[in-house]
Amino acid sequence: MGAEVRLGVVEAGADDGRLEELALLLRQELLELDDVPAVEHYHEGEAPEGARSGLAAIAGVLSVSLVPGLQAIGVVVAVVRDWLRRSGSARQVKMTIDGDTIELSGANDEAQRQLVDAFVRKHS
């Protein structure tokens, strides 16, 4: 069985609609990866009465299914960081695996690279 990763898009001042738009853009790029069989909206808690699903989707949060292994997590991190670098704004993505969260940004500095590498190794 593969790993489940939760990705939450964060942008200062963005409303739920904007976060959903950004998450869908990121989702499209992630679905192009061979190591990612599925990317869905993350659901938690009870949905409002009359909703189609029994669970409530959280704006801007995706649930990513991965094939097992270090490479899969590393590839997802690379795609997310590239997406953030191209965004041209102060945007972050919170990546959560097994309750452990790291915040990714478009910054290309050595300190962030080392933190991300340690996080990926821990969850591989």
C-alpha atoms as a PDB file:
ATOM      1  CA  MET A   1       0.000   0.000   0.000  1.00  0.00           C
ATOM      2  CA  GLY A   2       1.240   3.498  -0.822  1.00  0.00           C
ATOM      3  CA  ALA A   3       1.533   6.556   1.377  1.00  0.00           C
ATOM      4  CA  GLU A   4      -1.121   9.221   1.869  1.00  0.00           C
ATOM      5  CA  VAL A   5       0.070  12.814   1.846  1.00  0.00           C
ATOM      6  CA  ARG A   6      -2.039  15.868   2.624  1.00  0.00           C
ATOM      7  CA  LEU A   7      -1.167  19.140   0.861  1.00  0.00           C
ATOM      8  CA  GLY A   8      -2.718  22.423   1.959  1.00  0.00           C
ATOM      9  CA  VAL A   9      -2.270  25.531  -0.166  1.00  0.00           C
ATOM     10  CA  VAL A  10      -1.809  28.760   1.820  1.00  0.00           C
ATOM     11  CA  GLU A  11      -1.927  32.272   0.387  1.00  0.00           C
ATOM     12  CA  ALA A  12      -2.230  35.429   2.476  1.00  0.00           C
ATOM     13  CA  GLY A  13      -5.640  37.053   2.065  1.00  0.00           C
ATOM     14  CA  ALA A  14      -7.077  34.259  -0.091  1.00  0.00           C
ATOM     15  CA  ASP A  15     -10.689  33.170   0.381  1.00  0.00           C
ATOM     16  CA  ASP A  16     -11.934  29.580   0.047  1.00  0.00           C
ATOM     17  CA  GLY A  17     -12.652  30.016  -3.669  1.00  0.00           C
ATOM     18  CA  ARG A  18      -9.113  31.188  -4.390  1.00  0.00           C
ATOM     19  CA  LEU A  19      -7.607  28.352  -2.327  1.00  0.00           C
ATOM     20  CA  GLU A  20      -9.688  25.824  -4.276  1.00  0.00           C
ATOM     21  CA  GLU A  21      -8.529  27.350  -7.566  1.00  0.00           C
ATOM     22  CA  LEU A  22      -4.887  27.101  -6.504  1.00  0.00           C
ATOM     23  CA  ALA A  23      -5.333  23.530  -5.230  1.00  0.00           C
ATOM     24  CA  LEU A  24      -6.858  22.472  -8.558  1.00  0.00           C
ATOM     25  CA  LEU A  25      -3.895  23.936 -10.451  1.00  0.00           C
ATOM     26  CA  LEU A  26      -1.475  22.027  -8.225  1.00  0.00           C
ATOM     27  CA  ARG A  27      -3.607  18.870  -8.540  1.00  0.00           C
ATOM     28  CA  GLN A  28      -3.305  18.953 -12.346  1.00  0.00           C
ATOM     29  CA  GLU A  29       0.490  18.934 -12.123  1.00  0.00           C
ATOM     30  CA  LEU A  30       0.575  16.163  -9.521  1.00  0.00           C
ATOM     31  CA  LEU A  31      -1.683  13.906 -11.596  1.00  0.00           C
ATOM     32  CA  GLU A  32       0.936  13.929 -14.361  1.00  0.00           C
ATOM     33  CA  LEU A  33       3.339  11.988 -12.114  1.00  0.00           C
ATOM     34  CA  ASP A  34       3.659   8.209 -12.475  1.00  0.00           C
ATOM     35  CA  ASP A  35       4.164   7.867  -8.698  1.00  0.00           C
ATOM     36  CA  VAL A  36       0.812   9.536  -7.942  1.00  0.00           C
ATOM     37  CA  PRO A  37      -2.194   7.319  -8.681  1.00  0.00           C
ATOM     38  CA  ALA A  38      -4.775   9.741  -7.192  1.00  0.00           C
ATOM     39  CA  VAL A  39      -5.191  13.323  -5.965  1.00  0.00           C
ATOM     40  CA  GLU A  40      -8.530  14.190  -4.358  1.00  0.00           C
ATOM     41  CA  HIS A  41      -9.992  16.943  -2.208  1.00  0.00           C
ATOM     42  CA  TYR A  42      -9.300  16.233   1.448  1.00  0.00           C
ATOM     43  CA  HIS A  43     -12.478  15.603   3.463  1.00  0.00           C
ATOM     44  CA  GLU A  44     -12.957  15.809   7.211  1.00  0.00           C
ATOM     45  CA  GLY A  45     -15.938  15.975   9.537  1.00  0.00           C
ATOM     46  CA  GLU A  46     -19.605  16.122   8.621  1.00  0.00           C
ATOM     47  CA  ALA A  47     -20.732  17.914   5.481  1.00  0.00           C
ATOM     48  CA  PRO A  48     -23.527  20.485   5.685  1.00  0.00           C
ATOM     49  CA  GLU A  49     -27.051  19.132   5.286  1.00  0.00           C
ATOM     50  CA  GLY A  50     -27.961  18.672   1.636  1.00  0.00           C
ATOM     51  CA  ALA A  51     -24.358  18.173   0.469  1.00  0.00           C
ATOM     52  CA  ARG A  52     -23.635  15.334  -1.948  1.00  0.00           C
ATOM     53  CA  SER A  53     -20.921  13.815   0.228  1.00  0.00           C
ATOM     54  CA  GLY A  54     -21.149  12.793   3.866  1.00  0.00           C
ATOM     55  CA  LEU A  55     -17.829  14.501   4.615  1.00  0.00           C
ATOM     56  CA  ALA A  56     -16.886  18.173   4.360  1.00  0.00           C
ATOM     57  CA  ALA A  57     -14.128  19.164   1.920  1.00  0.00           C
ATOM     58  CA  ILE A  58     -11.574  21.621   3.283  1.00  0.00           C
ATOM     59  CA  ALA A  59     -10.795  24.462   0.865  1.00  0.00           C
ATOM     60  CA  GLY A  60      -7.357  24.264  -0.697  1.00  0.00           C
ATOM     61  CA  VAL A  61      -6.441  20.876   0.827  1.00  0.00           C
ATOM     62  CA  LEU A  62      -5.633  17.814  -1.268  1.00  0.00           C
ATOM     63  CA  SER A  63      -5.166  14.163  -0.358  1.00  0.00           C
ATOM     64  CA  VAL A  64      -2.419  12.615  -2.494  1.00  0.00           C
ATOM     65  CA  SER A  65      -1.992   8.843  -2.861  1.00  0.00           C
ATOM     66  CA  LEU A  66       1.579   7.745  -3.578  1.00  0.00           C
ATOM     67  CA  VAL A  67       3.236   4.525  -4.589  1.00  0.00           C
ATOM     68  CA  PRO A  68       5.585   3.383  -1.788  1.00  0.00           C
ATOM     69  CA  GLY A  69       9.137   4.687  -1.576  1.00  0.00           C
ATOM     70  CA  LEU A  70      11.460   7.609  -1.104  1.00  0.00           C
ATOM     71  CA  GLN A  71      11.340   8.545  -4.772  1.00  0.00           C
ATOM     72  CA  ALA A  72       7.569   9.136  -4.777  1.00  0.00           C
ATOM     73  CA  ILE A  73       7.650  11.593  -1.879  1.00  0.00           C
ATOM     74  CA  GLY A  74      10.712  13.315  -3.316  1.00  0.00           C
ATOM     75  CA  VAL A  75       9.044  13.731  -6.715  1.00  0.00           C
ATOM     76  CA  VAL A  76       5.940  15.276  -5.123  1.00  0.00           C
ATOM     77  CA  VAL A  77       8.106  17.691  -3.113  1.00  0.00           C
ATOM     78  CA  ALA A  78       9.983  18.682  -6.282  1.00  0.00           C
ATOM     79  CA  VAL A  79       6.740  19.354  -8.191  1.00  0.00           C
ATOM     80  CA  VAL A  80       5.279  21.386  -5.307  1.00  0.00           C
ATOM     81  CA  ARG A  81       8.441  23.483  -4.893  1.00  0.00           C
ATOM     82  CA  ASP A  82       8.654  24.113  -8.663  1.00  0.00           C
ATOM     83  CA  TRP A  83       4.955  25.106  -8.699  1.00  0.00           C
ATOM     84  CA  LEU A  84       5.599  27.503  -5.813  1.00  0.00           C
ATOM     85  CA  ARG A  85       8.678  29.036  -7.482  1.00  0.00           C
ATOM     86  CA  ARG A  86       6.647  29.715 -10.641  1.00  0.00           C
ATOM     87  CA  SER A  87       3.781  31.280  -8.696  1.00  0.00           C
ATOM     88  CA  GLY A  88       5.607  34.566  -8.264  1.00  0.00           C
ATOM     89  CA  SER A  89       3.865  35.305  -4.971  1.00  0.00           C
ATOM     90  CA  ALA A  90       4.137  34.651  -1.257  1.00  0.00           C
ATOM     91  CA  ARG A  91       2.412  31.270  -1.262  1.00  0.00           C
ATOM     92  CA  GLN A  92       3.178  28.122   0.728  1.00  0.00           C
ATOM     93  CA  VAL A  93       2.065  24.494   0.761  1.00  0.00           C
ATOM     94  CA  LYS A  94       1.755  22.601   4.030  1.00  0.00           C
ATOM     95  CA  MET A  95       2.699  18.952   3.508  1.00  0.00           C
ATOM     96  CA  THR A  96       1.495  16.459   6.130  1.00  0.00           C
ATOM     97  CA  ILE A  97       2.440  12.794   6.406  1.00  0.00           C
ATOM     98  CA  ASP A  98       1.382  10.710   9.436  1.00  0.00           C
ATOM     99  CA  GLY A  99       0.554  13.859  11.418  1.00  0.00           C
ATOM    100  CA  ASP A 100       3.980  15.390  10.748  1.00  0.00           C
ATOM    101  CA  THR A 101       3.824  18.717   8.833  1.00  0.00           C
ATOM    102  CA  ILE A 102       6.388  20.777   6.941  1.00  0.00           C
ATOM    103  CA  GLU A 103       5.775  24.075   5.170  1.00  0.00           C
ATOM    104  CA  LEU A 104       7.183  24.330   1.657  1.00  0.00           C
ATOM    105  CA  SER A 105       7.868  27.607  -0.089  1.00  0.00           C
ATOM    106  CA  GLY A 106       9.359  28.690  -3.367  1.00  0.00           C
ATOM    107  CA  ALA A 107      12.551  29.754  -1.595  1.00  0.00           C
ATOM    108  CA  ASN A 108      15.592  28.000  -2.957  1.00  0.00           C
ATOM    109  CA  ASP A 109      17.922  28.124   0.006  1.00  0.00           C
ATOM    110  CA  GLU A 110      20.137  25.456   1.502  1.00  0.00           C
ATOM    111  CA  ALA A 111      18.435  25.455   4.917  1.00  0.00           C
ATOM    112  CA  GLN A 112      15.014  24.663   3.432  1.00  0.00           C
ATOM    113  CA  ARG A 113      16.499  21.984   1.191  1.00  0.00           C
ATOM    114  CA  GLN A 114      18.076  20.245   4.177  1.00  0.00           C
ATOM    115  CA  LEU A 115      14.822  20.386   6.172  1.00  0.00           C
ATOM    116  CA  VAL A 116      12.831  18.995   3.268  1.00  0.00           C
ATOM    117  CA  ASP A 117      15.381  16.219   2.656  1.00  0.00           C
ATOM    118  CA  ALA A 118      15.221  15.179   6.326  1.00  0.00           C
ATOM    119  CA  PHE A 119      11.399  15.218   6.251  1.00  0.00           C
ATOM    120  CA  VAL A 120      11.306  13.072   3.100  1.00  0.00           C
ATOM    121  CA  ARG A 121      13.786  10.550   4.532  1.00  0.00           C
ATOM    122  CA  LYS A 122      11.788  10.300   7.755  1.00  0.00           C
ATOM    123  CA  HIS A 123       8.606   9.370   5.889  1.00  0.00           C
ATOM    124  CA  SER A 124      10.043   7.043   3.269  1.00  0.00           C
END
